[in-house]
Amino acid sequence: IISGHRLVECDISEFDPFQNTEQLRKVLQSLQEYYTDIRRKINLGIGDKFLVESLKNEAEFRSYQLLTHAEDKDVFRQSLQFDSTVFNSLKVKFALESISAFHQNDFVKFFK
């Protein structure tokens, strides 16, 4: 994310934003699978305090996952699978509101 931000104005021969986004999506997908596995273990009673601690930034990274797939209309359904604490977090709500504005072509609300 930071690379994309800092290098966005570079020439395509130095930085490929499309490739960066694809790599970001792959990393975020792996992270989503990690979070899902951790929650499954915790729900089965296998988790310990370290597993629970590893979820502290889940809402933030789930929101990045949503935002990198904003053009996908299925993104809203995917968010319904999140743990309720994550789904109701301010970060995920912000991401979903932004995506909703994007789908409604409400660019004023989107950029706010």
N, C-alpha and C. Protein backbone atom coordinates (compact mmCIF):
# COMPACT_ATOMS: atom_id res chain seq x y z
N ILE A 1 0.84 -1.19 0.00
CA ILE A 1 0.00 0.00 0.00
C ILE A 1 0.88 1.25 0.00
N ILE A 2 1.89 1.24 0.84
CA ILE A 2 2.78 2.39 0.92
C ILE A 2 3.59 2.54 -0.36
N SER A 3 4.04 1.42 -0.92
CA SER A 3 4.78 1.48 -2.19
C SER A 3 3.93 2.11 -3.27
N GLY A 4 2.69 1.68 -3.37
CA GLY A 4 1.78 2.23 -4.37
C GLY A 4 1.58 3.72 -4.20
N HIS A 5 1.48 4.15 -2.96
CA HIS A 5 1.29 5.57 -2.66
C HIS A 5 2.52 6.39 -3.02
N ARG A 6 3.68 5.90 -2.60
CA ARG A 6 4.91 6.67 -2.80
C ARG A 6 5.41 6.64 -4.24
N LEU A 7 5.13 5.57 -4.95
CA LEU A 7 5.68 5.41 -6.30
C LEU A 7 4.68 5.67 -7.42
N VAL A 8 3.50 6.13 -7.09
CA VAL A 8 2.43 6.29 -8.07
C VAL A 8 2.82 7.21 -9.23
N GLU A 9 3.66 8.17 -9.00
CA GLU A 9 4.02 9.12 -10.05
C GLU A 9 5.25 8.69 -10.84
N CYS A 10 5.81 7.54 -10.52
CA CYS A 10 6.97 7.05 -11.26
C CYS A 10 6.55 6.60 -12.66
N ASP A 11 7.53 6.59 -13.54
CA ASP A 11 7.31 6.08 -14.89
C ASP A 11 6.99 4.59 -14.82
N ILE A 12 6.19 4.11 -15.75
CA ILE A 12 5.77 2.70 -15.78
C ILE A 12 6.97 1.76 -15.88
N SER A 13 8.07 2.24 -16.42
CA SER A 13 9.26 1.41 -16.52
C SER A 13 9.93 1.21 -15.16
N GLU A 14 9.62 2.09 -14.20
CA GLU A 14 10.18 2.00 -12.86
C GLU A 14 9.22 1.37 -11.86
N PHE A 15 7.93 1.57 -12.08
CA PHE A 15 6.92 1.06 -11.15
C PHE A 15 5.64 0.77 -11.91
N ASP A 16 5.14 -0.44 -11.77
CA ASP A 16 3.92 -0.86 -12.44
C ASP A 16 2.79 -0.93 -11.40
N PRO A 17 1.89 0.06 -11.39
CA PRO A 17 0.82 0.07 -10.38
C PRO A 17 -0.11 -1.14 -10.49
N PHE A 18 -0.33 -1.63 -11.71
CA PHE A 18 -1.19 -2.80 -11.89
C PHE A 18 -0.57 -4.02 -11.20
N GLN A 19 0.71 -4.23 -11.43
CA GLN A 19 1.39 -5.36 -10.80
C GLN A 19 1.41 -5.20 -9.29
N ASN A 20 1.61 -3.99 -8.81
CA ASN A 20 1.60 -3.74 -7.38
C ASN A 20 0.24 -4.09 -6.78
N THR A 21 -0.83 -3.68 -7.46
CA THR A 21 -2.17 -3.97 -6.97
C THR A 21 -2.44 -5.47 -6.96
N GLU A 22 -2.01 -6.16 -8.00
CA GLU A 22 -2.18 -7.62 -8.05
C GLU A 22 -1.45 -8.31 -6.90
N GLN A 23 -0.24 -7.87 -6.62
CA GLN A 23 0.52 -8.46 -5.52
C GLN A 23 -0.14 -8.14 -4.18
N LEU A 24 -0.64 -6.92 -4.04
CA LEU A 24 -1.35 -6.53 -2.83
C LEU A 24 -2.58 -7.40 -2.62
N ARG A 25 -3.32 -7.62 -3.68
CA ARG A 25 -4.52 -8.47 -3.59
C ARG A 25 -4.16 -9.89 -3.14
N LYS A 26 -3.07 -10.43 -3.66
CA LYS A 26 -2.64 -11.78 -3.28
C LYS A 26 -2.26 -11.83 -1.81
N VAL A 27 -1.53 -10.84 -1.35
CA VAL A 27 -1.14 -10.80 0.06
C VAL A 27 -2.37 -10.68 0.95
N LEU A 28 -3.28 -9.79 0.57
CA LEU A 28 -4.50 -9.61 1.37
C LEU A 28 -5.36 -10.87 1.38
N GLN A 29 -5.41 -11.58 0.26
CA GLN A 29 -6.18 -12.83 0.22
C GLN A 29 -5.58 -13.85 1.18
N SER A 30 -4.28 -13.96 1.20
CA SER A 30 -3.62 -14.88 2.13
C SER A 30 -3.92 -14.48 3.58
N LEU A 31 -3.89 -13.19 3.83
CA LEU A 31 -4.19 -12.70 5.17
C LEU A 31 -5.64 -12.99 5.56
N GLN A 32 -6.57 -12.85 4.62
CA GLN A 32 -7.98 -13.17 4.89
C GLN A 32 -8.13 -14.63 5.28
N GLU A 33 -7.43 -15.50 4.58
CA GLU A 33 -7.48 -16.93 4.89
C GLU A 33 -6.89 -17.20 6.27
N TYR A 34 -5.84 -16.49 6.62
CA TYR A 34 -5.23 -16.60 7.94
C TYR A 34 -6.24 -16.21 9.02
N TYR A 35 -6.88 -15.05 8.84
CA TYR A 35 -7.87 -14.60 9.82
C TYR A 35 -9.02 -15.60 9.96
N THR A 36 -9.48 -16.14 8.86
CA THR A 36 -10.56 -17.12 8.90
C THR A 36 -10.13 -18.37 9.68
N ASP A 37 -8.91 -18.85 9.43
CA ASP A 37 -8.40 -20.02 10.16
C ASP A 37 -8.26 -19.73 11.65
N ILE A 38 -7.77 -18.57 11.99
CA ILE A 38 -7.61 -18.20 13.41
C ILE A 38 -8.97 -18.16 14.09
N ARG A 39 -9.94 -17.54 13.46
CA ARG A 39 -11.29 -17.48 14.06
C ARG A 39 -11.88 -18.87 14.22
N ARG A 40 -11.66 -19.74 13.26
CA ARG A 40 -12.15 -21.12 13.35
C ARG A 40 -11.54 -21.82 14.56
N LYS A 41 -10.24 -21.66 14.75
CA LYS A 41 -9.57 -22.28 15.90
C LYS A 41 -10.10 -21.72 17.21
N ILE A 42 -10.29 -20.42 17.27
CA ILE A 42 -10.80 -19.81 18.50
C ILE A 42 -12.21 -20.32 18.79
N ASN A 43 -13.05 -20.41 17.77
CA ASN A 43 -14.42 -20.91 17.95
C ASN A 43 -14.45 -22.36 18.40
N LEU A 44 -13.42 -23.12 18.04
CA LEU A 44 -13.34 -24.51 18.46
C LEU A 44 -12.69 -24.65 19.84
N GLY A 45 -12.27 -23.52 20.41
CA GLY A 45 -11.65 -23.55 21.73
C GLY A 45 -10.18 -23.90 21.70
N ILE A 46 -9.58 -23.86 20.53
CA ILE A 46 -8.17 -24.21 20.38
C ILE A 46 -7.28 -22.98 20.57
N GLY A 47 -7.84 -21.81 20.45
CA GLY A 47 -7.05 -20.58 20.47
C GLY A 47 -6.47 -20.25 21.82
N ASP A 48 -5.42 -19.47 21.81
CA ASP A 48 -4.82 -18.96 23.02
C ASP A 48 -4.71 -17.44 22.89
N LYS A 49 -4.12 -16.79 23.89
CA LYS A 49 -4.07 -15.33 23.87
C LYS A 49 -3.27 -14.79 22.68
N PHE A 50 -2.31 -15.55 22.18
CA PHE A 50 -1.52 -15.09 21.04
C PHE A 50 -2.36 -15.10 19.76
N LEU A 51 -3.22 -16.11 19.63
CA LEU A 51 -4.12 -16.14 18.47
C LEU A 51 -5.11 -14.98 18.53
N VAL A 52 -5.65 -14.76 19.69
CA VAL A 52 -6.60 -13.66 19.85
C VAL A 52 -5.91 -12.33 19.56
N GLU A 53 -4.69 -12.17 20.03
CA GLU A 53 -3.92 -10.94 19.80
C GLU A 53 -3.65 -10.73 18.31
N SER A 54 -3.51 -11.81 17.56
CA SER A 54 -3.22 -11.69 16.12
C SER A 54 -4.40 -11.12 15.33
N LEU A 55 -5.55 -11.02 15.96
CA LEU A 55 -6.74 -10.49 15.29
C LEU A 55 -6.94 -8.99 15.51
N LYS A 56 -6.03 -8.35 16.23
CA LYS A 56 -6.25 -6.95 16.61
C LYS A 56 -6.35 -6.00 15.41
N ASN A 57 -5.73 -6.33 14.29
CA ASN A 57 -5.79 -5.47 13.10
C ASN A 57 -6.66 -6.06 12.00
N GLU A 58 -7.45 -7.05 12.35
CA GLU A 58 -8.26 -7.73 11.34
C GLU A 58 -9.19 -6.78 10.60
N ALA A 59 -9.88 -5.92 11.32
CA ALA A 59 -10.84 -5.01 10.67
C ALA A 59 -10.15 -4.11 9.65
N GLU A 60 -8.98 -3.63 9.99
CA GLU A 60 -8.24 -2.76 9.07
C GLU A 60 -7.90 -3.51 7.78
N PHE A 61 -7.37 -4.71 7.90
CA PHE A 61 -6.95 -5.44 6.71
C PHE A 61 -8.13 -6.01 5.93
N ARG A 62 -9.21 -6.33 6.62
CA ARG A 62 -10.42 -6.74 5.90
C ARG A 62 -10.96 -5.55 5.09
N SER A 63 -10.85 -4.36 5.64
CA SER A 63 -11.33 -3.19 4.89
C SER A 63 -10.46 -2.94 3.66
N TYR A 64 -9.15 -3.17 3.76
CA TYR A 64 -8.29 -3.05 2.58
C TYR A 64 -8.69 -4.06 1.52
N GLN A 65 -9.01 -5.26 1.97
CA GLN A 65 -9.44 -6.30 1.03
C GLN A 65 -10.71 -5.84 0.29
N LEU A 66 -11.64 -5.31 1.02
CA LEU A 66 -12.87 -4.81 0.41
C LEU A 66 -12.57 -3.70 -0.59
N LEU A 67 -11.74 -2.75 -0.20
CA LEU A 67 -11.46 -1.60 -1.05
C LEU A 67 -10.70 -2.00 -2.32
N THR A 68 -9.84 -3.00 -2.24
CA THR A 68 -9.12 -3.42 -3.44
C THR A 68 -10.01 -4.21 -4.39
N HIS A 69 -11.21 -4.55 -3.93
CA HIS A 69 -12.18 -5.25 -4.79
C HIS A 69 -13.47 -4.44 -4.92
N ALA A 70 -13.34 -3.13 -4.84
CA ALA A 70 -14.51 -2.24 -4.86
C ALA A 70 -15.37 -2.42 -6.10
N GLU A 71 -14.76 -2.73 -7.23
CA GLU A 71 -15.53 -2.85 -8.47
C GLU A 71 -16.37 -4.12 -8.51
N ASP A 72 -16.11 -5.06 -7.64
CA ASP A 72 -16.83 -6.33 -7.59
C ASP A 72 -18.12 -6.15 -6.80
N LYS A 73 -19.25 -6.38 -7.44
CA LYS A 73 -20.54 -6.22 -6.76
C LYS A 73 -20.74 -7.26 -5.65
N ASP A 74 -19.99 -8.34 -5.70
CA ASP A 74 -20.09 -9.41 -4.70
C ASP A 74 -19.38 -9.04 -3.39
N VAL A 75 -18.71 -7.90 -3.38
CA VAL A 75 -17.93 -7.49 -2.22
C VAL A 75 -18.83 -7.31 -0.99
N PHE A 76 -20.05 -6.88 -1.18
CA PHE A 76 -20.97 -6.68 -0.05
C PHE A 76 -21.33 -8.02 0.58
N ARG A 77 -21.61 -9.02 -0.25
CA ARG A 77 -21.92 -10.35 0.26
C ARG A 77 -20.74 -10.93 1.02
N GLN A 78 -19.55 -10.72 0.51
CA GLN A 78 -18.35 -11.22 1.17
C GLN A 78 -18.20 -10.63 2.57
N SER A 79 -18.54 -9.37 2.70
CA SER A 79 -18.40 -8.71 4.01
C SER A 79 -19.35 -9.29 5.05
N LEU A 80 -20.46 -9.87 4.61
CA LEU A 80 -21.41 -10.46 5.55
C LEU A 80 -20.84 -11.70 6.25
N GLN A 81 -19.77 -12.25 5.70
CA GLN A 81 -19.14 -13.42 6.30
C GLN A 81 -18.17 -13.05 7.42
N PHE A 82 -17.89 -11.77 7.59
CA PHE A 82 -16.96 -11.33 8.62
C PHE A 82 -17.56 -11.56 10.00
N ASP A 83 -16.71 -11.74 10.98
CA ASP A 83 -17.14 -11.78 12.37
C ASP A 83 -17.89 -10.48 12.66
N SER A 84 -18.89 -10.53 13.50
CA SER A 84 -19.73 -9.34 13.75
C SER A 84 -18.92 -8.16 14.29
N THR A 85 -17.91 -8.42 15.12
CA THR A 85 -17.10 -7.31 15.64
C THR A 85 -16.32 -6.63 14.51
N VAL A 86 -15.89 -7.41 13.55
CA VAL A 86 -15.17 -6.85 12.39
C VAL A 86 -16.15 -6.13 11.47
N PHE A 87 -17.27 -6.77 11.17
CA PHE A 87 -18.26 -6.18 10.27
C PHE A 87 -18.76 -4.83 10.81
N ASN A 88 -18.93 -4.73 12.12
CA ASN A 88 -19.45 -3.51 12.74
C ASN A 88 -18.38 -2.50 13.10
N SER A 89 -17.13 -2.78 12.76
CA SER A 89 -16.05 -1.84 13.07
C SER A 89 -16.16 -0.59 12.20
N LEU A 90 -15.61 0.50 12.69
CA LEU A 90 -15.65 1.76 11.93
C LEU A 90 -14.89 1.63 10.61
N LYS A 91 -13.81 0.87 10.59
CA LYS A 91 -13.00 0.74 9.38
C LYS A 91 -13.75 0.00 8.29
N VAL A 92 -14.41 -1.08 8.63
CA VAL A 92 -15.18 -1.83 7.63
C VAL A 92 -16.40 -1.03 7.19
N LYS A 93 -17.05 -0.37 8.13
CA LYS A 93 -18.19 0.47 7.75
C LYS A 93 -17.77 1.57 6.79
N PHE A 94 -16.62 2.19 7.05
CA PHE A 94 -16.11 3.22 6.15
C PHE A 94 -15.85 2.65 4.76
N ALA A 95 -15.22 1.48 4.71
CA ALA A 95 -14.93 0.84 3.42
C ALA A 95 -16.22 0.54 2.67
N LEU A 96 -17.21 -0.01 3.35
CA LEU A 96 -18.47 -0.35 2.70
C LEU A 96 -19.23 0.90 2.23
N GLU A 97 -19.17 1.96 3.02
CA GLU A 97 -19.81 3.22 2.59
C GLU A 97 -19.11 3.79 1.37
N SER A 98 -17.79 3.70 1.33
CA SER A 98 -17.03 4.18 0.18
C SER A 98 -17.37 3.37 -1.07
N ILE A 99 -17.43 2.06 -0.91
CA ILE A 99 -17.74 1.18 -2.03
C ILE A 99 -19.17 1.42 -2.52
N SER A 100 -20.07 1.61 -1.58
CA SER A 100 -21.46 1.90 -1.95
C SER A 100 -21.54 3.19 -2.77
N ALA A 101 -20.83 4.22 -2.34
CA ALA A 101 -20.81 5.48 -3.09
C ALA A 101 -20.21 5.27 -4.48
N PHE A 102 -19.17 4.45 -4.56
CA PHE A 102 -18.54 4.13 -5.85
C PHE A 102 -19.55 3.47 -6.79
N HIS A 103 -20.30 2.50 -6.28
CA HIS A 103 -21.28 1.79 -7.11
C HIS A 103 -22.45 2.68 -7.52
N GLN A 104 -22.73 3.70 -6.73
CA GLN A 104 -23.82 4.61 -7.03
C GLN A 104 -23.35 5.82 -7.85
N ASN A 105 -22.08 5.81 -8.23
CA ASN A 105 -21.47 6.93 -8.95
C ASN A 105 -21.60 8.25 -8.19
N ASP A 106 -21.61 8.15 -6.87
CA ASP A 106 -21.67 9.33 -6.02
C ASP A 106 -20.23 9.66 -5.62
N PHE A 107 -19.55 10.33 -6.54
CA PHE A 107 -18.11 10.58 -6.35
C PHE A 107 -17.84 11.63 -5.29
N VAL A 108 -18.78 12.51 -5.02
CA VAL A 108 -18.61 13.48 -3.94
C VAL A 108 -18.53 12.72 -2.62
N LYS A 109 -19.47 11.83 -2.39
CA LYS A 109 -19.47 11.03 -1.15
C LYS A 109 -18.26 10.10 -1.13
N PHE A 110 -17.91 9.52 -2.27
CA PHE A 110 -16.77 8.62 -2.35
C PHE A 110 -15.48 9.31 -1.90
N PHE A 111 -15.23 10.49 -2.39
CA PHE A 111 -13.98 11.17 -2.07
C PHE A 111 -13.99 11.83 -0.69
N LYS A 112 -15.17 12.01 -0.11
CA LYS A 112 -15.23 12.50 1.28
C LYS A 112 -14.74 11.40 2.18
